């Protein structure tokens, strides 16, 4: 009799665990991938630039698209705006956002905005997903660079971090880091 009751309890516990697992999987698969990231752009080390700027990235469409906004002042002639993966030294670009003819950032002050998707990822993230891009941000490897004719590797640069200045994180379902 005791053995029979034990098996009933054991079967009930296993059923409950399976039910919790199924519910968790369903919640994870329908979780929203969201997040806001930012970078304070400052002159590169060794430059005489007085330039400053701010860049923000917002994950949209459940991680399918990234909206970017960048503004800067005190710059020379802008030649490009890129996001790079930095691991020490000059890192490879992972997204080319703007070039001189379309940047909206001219000599002095300006701003630009737009979106990109996984098909726009290049370099080490070519063929990868936006979740891989988010993981690289969370790992501290992503920098925003505004290049000018005087500073072709970047007049102002900033590490991209979670939040729009402080706090926040890209999450899936509000409780797990995306990626």
Protein backbone atom coordinates (compact mmCIF):
# COMPACT_ATOMS: atom_id res chain seq x y z
CA UNK A 1 0.00 0.00 0.00
CA UNK A 2 2.80 2.42 0.89
CA UNK A 3 4.62 1.56 -2.34
CA UNK A 4 1.44 2.21 -4.34
CA UNK A 5 0.96 5.64 -2.71
CA UNK A 6 4.63 6.46 -3.36
CA UNK A 7 4.21 5.72 -7.07
CA UNK A 8 1.10 7.91 -7.24
CA UNK A 9 2.98 10.77 -5.55
CA UNK A 10 6.00 10.18 -7.79
CA UNK A 11 3.82 10.25 -10.92
CA UNK A 12 2.12 13.44 -9.72
CA UNK A 13 5.45 15.18 -9.11
CA UNK A 14 6.77 14.16 -12.53
CA UNK A 15 3.54 15.39 -14.18
CA UNK A 16 3.80 18.72 -12.36
CA UNK A 17 7.44 19.16 -13.42
CA UNK A 18 6.59 18.40 -17.04
CA UNK A 19 3.73 20.90 -16.95
CA UNK A 20 6.02 23.61 -15.52
CA UNK A 21 8.62 22.82 -18.22
CA UNK A 22 6.07 23.10 -21.02
CA UNK A 23 4.75 26.41 -19.66
CA UNK A 24 8.31 27.78 -19.38
CA UNK A 25 9.13 26.78 -22.96
CA UNK A 26 5.94 28.42 -24.23
CA UNK A 27 6.68 31.61 -22.29
CA UNK A 28 10.28 31.70 -23.58
CA UNK A 29 9.25 31.12 -27.20
CA UNK A 30 6.74 33.97 -27.04
CA UNK A 31 9.02 36.28 -25.01
CA UNK A 32 9.76 39.69 -26.43
CA UNK A 33 13.35 40.64 -27.14
CA UNK A 34 13.70 44.29 -26.24
CA UNK A 35 16.41 46.64 -25.13
CA UNK A 36 17.93 50.07 -25.31
CA UNK A 37 21.65 50.71 -25.53
CA UNK A 38 23.70 53.88 -25.61
CA UNK A 39 27.20 55.23 -26.13
CA UNK A 40 28.70 58.52 -25.03
CA UNK A 41 31.03 59.51 -27.86
CA UNK A 42 34.28 61.19 -26.89
CA UNK A 43 37.50 62.08 -28.73
CA UNK A 44 39.81 59.18 -29.41
CA UNK A 45 42.90 58.97 -27.25
CA UNK A 46 45.68 61.13 -28.66
CA UNK A 47 43.44 63.31 -30.83
CA UNK A 48 43.01 67.06 -30.49
CA UNK A 49 39.31 66.82 -31.25
CA UNK A 50 36.74 68.79 -29.29
CA UNK A 51 33.97 66.58 -30.67
CA UNK A 52 31.33 64.93 -28.51
CA UNK A 53 28.25 62.92 -29.25
CA UNK A 54 25.61 60.46 -28.18
CA UNK A 55 24.36 57.30 -29.87
CA UNK A 56 21.40 55.14 -28.96
CA UNK A 57 20.30 51.76 -30.21
CA UNK A 58 16.81 50.34 -29.66
CA UNK A 59 15.95 46.71 -30.37
CA UNK A 60 12.64 46.55 -32.27
CA UNK A 61 10.29 43.96 -33.78
CA UNK A 62 11.24 41.31 -31.23
CA UNK A 63 14.92 41.45 -32.12
CA UNK A 64 14.51 41.60 -35.89
CA UNK A 65 15.54 45.24 -36.31
CA UNK A 66 17.69 47.84 -34.54
CA UNK A 67 16.88 51.55 -34.63
CA UNK A 68 19.83 53.91 -34.20
CA UNK A 69 20.06 57.61 -33.45
CA UNK A 70 23.35 59.50 -33.36
CA UNK A 71 24.11 63.14 -32.76
CA UNK A 72 27.43 64.93 -32.50
CA UNK A 73 29.03 68.34 -32.35
CA UNK A 74 32.50 69.82 -32.73
CA UNK A 75 33.48 67.47 -35.57
CA UNK A 76 35.57 67.85 -38.68
CA UNK A 77 34.28 66.62 -42.06
CA UNK A 78 32.41 63.38 -41.32
CA UNK A 79 33.37 60.50 -43.60
CA UNK A 80 31.39 57.70 -41.97
CA UNK A 81 29.51 56.31 -38.97
CA UNK A 82 30.09 52.67 -38.03
CA UNK A 83 29.63 50.20 -35.22
CA UNK A 84 32.70 48.04 -34.60
CA UNK A 85 33.55 44.99 -32.55
CA UNK A 86 36.47 45.94 -30.36
CA UNK A 87 38.72 43.35 -28.79
CA UNK A 88 41.78 45.58 -28.46
CA UNK A 89 43.37 47.70 -31.17
CA UNK A 90 41.39 48.55 -34.30
CA UNK A 91 38.36 46.25 -34.37
CA UNK A 92 36.48 45.20 -37.49
CA UNK A 93 33.26 46.98 -38.41
CA UNK A 94 30.05 45.03 -37.79
CA UNK A 95 27.58 47.61 -39.19
CA UNK A 96 28.26 50.49 -41.56
CA UNK A 97 25.52 52.99 -40.74
CA UNK A 98 26.30 56.12 -42.72
CA UNK A 99 28.78 57.34 -45.28
CA UNK A 100 29.79 60.94 -45.99
CA UNK A 101 27.18 61.56 -48.66
CA UNK A 102 24.25 60.34 -46.53
CA UNK A 103 25.30 60.74 -42.90
CA UNK A 104 23.44 63.92 -41.96
CA UNK A 105 26.50 64.62 -39.81
CA UNK A 106 28.44 67.42 -41.39
CA UNK A 107 31.33 69.52 -40.22
CA UNK A 108 30.38 70.93 -36.83
CA UNK A 109 27.02 69.62 -35.55
CA UNK A 110 24.50 67.14 -36.90
CA UNK A 111 22.48 64.02 -36.37
CA UNK A 112 21.42 60.88 -38.18
CA UNK A 113 19.06 57.98 -37.63
CA UNK A 114 17.87 54.82 -39.29
CA UNK A 115 17.49 51.08 -38.80
CA UNK A 116 19.43 47.93 -39.59
CA UNK A 117 18.68 44.21 -39.61
CA UNK A 118 20.77 41.06 -39.50
CA UNK A 119 21.31 41.33 -43.27
CA UNK A 120 23.28 44.55 -42.60
CA UNK A 121 25.72 42.85 -40.21
CA UNK A 122 29.24 42.57 -41.65
CA UNK A 123 32.69 41.40 -40.54
CA UNK A 124 32.67 38.91 -37.66
CA UNK A 125 28.85 39.16 -37.36
CA UNK A 126 28.15 38.56 -41.06
CA UNK A 127 25.50 35.84 -41.35
CA UNK A 128 24.67 36.05 -37.64
CA UNK A 129 21.52 37.23 -35.88
CA UNK A 130 20.75 40.43 -34.00
CA UNK A 131 20.89 38.30 -30.83
CA UNK A 132 24.62 37.77 -31.56
CA UNK A 133 25.00 41.55 -31.88
CA UNK A 134 23.22 41.98 -28.51
CA UNK A 135 25.49 39.38 -26.92
CA UNK A 136 28.57 41.26 -28.19
CA UNK A 137 27.17 44.46 -26.61
CA UNK A 138 26.54 42.68 -23.30
CA UNK A 139 30.09 41.28 -23.50
CA UNK A 140 31.43 44.86 -23.79
CA UNK A 141 32.81 44.39 -27.30
CA UNK A 142 30.80 46.91 -29.35
CA UNK A 143 31.87 50.52 -30.00
CA UNK A 144 30.30 53.34 -31.99
CA UNK A 145 32.69 55.38 -34.16
CA UNK A 146 32.26 58.59 -36.12
CA UNK A 147 35.09 58.95 -38.63
CA UNK A 148 36.25 62.20 -40.18
CA UNK A 149 38.73 63.07 -42.90
CA UNK A 150 41.22 64.13 -40.20
CA UNK A 151 40.60 61.02 -38.05
CA UNK A 152 39.72 58.18 -40.46
CA UNK A 153 39.69 55.56 -37.68
CA UNK A 154 37.31 57.64 -35.57
CA UNK A 155 37.29 61.21 -34.32
CA UNK A 156 34.87 60.29 -31.54
CA UNK A 157 34.26 56.81 -30.16
CA UNK A 158 32.16 55.30 -27.39
CA UNK A 159 31.50 51.87 -25.88
CA UNK A 160 27.91 50.73 -26.36
CA UNK A 161 26.36 49.74 -23.04
CA UNK A 162 22.96 48.56 -21.87
CA UNK A 163 20.40 51.24 -21.07
CA UNK A 164 19.89 54.74 -22.32
CA UNK A 165 22.59 56.14 -20.08
CA UNK A 166 22.17 54.01 -16.97
CA UNK A 167 20.49 50.74 -16.08
CA UNK A 168 18.40 48.56 -18.34
CA UNK A 169 19.42 45.59 -20.40
CA UNK A 170 18.33 43.75 -23.49
CA UNK A 171 16.15 40.96 -22.34
CA UNK A 172 13.98 38.16 -23.55
CA UNK A 173 10.84 37.93 -21.45
CA UNK A 174 12.09 40.54 -19.02
CA UNK A 175 14.32 38.18 -17.07
CA UNK A 176 17.11 36.78 -19.21
CA UNK A 177 19.79 38.49 -21.20
CA UNK A 178 19.12 38.06 -24.91
CA UNK A 179 21.65 36.15 -26.91
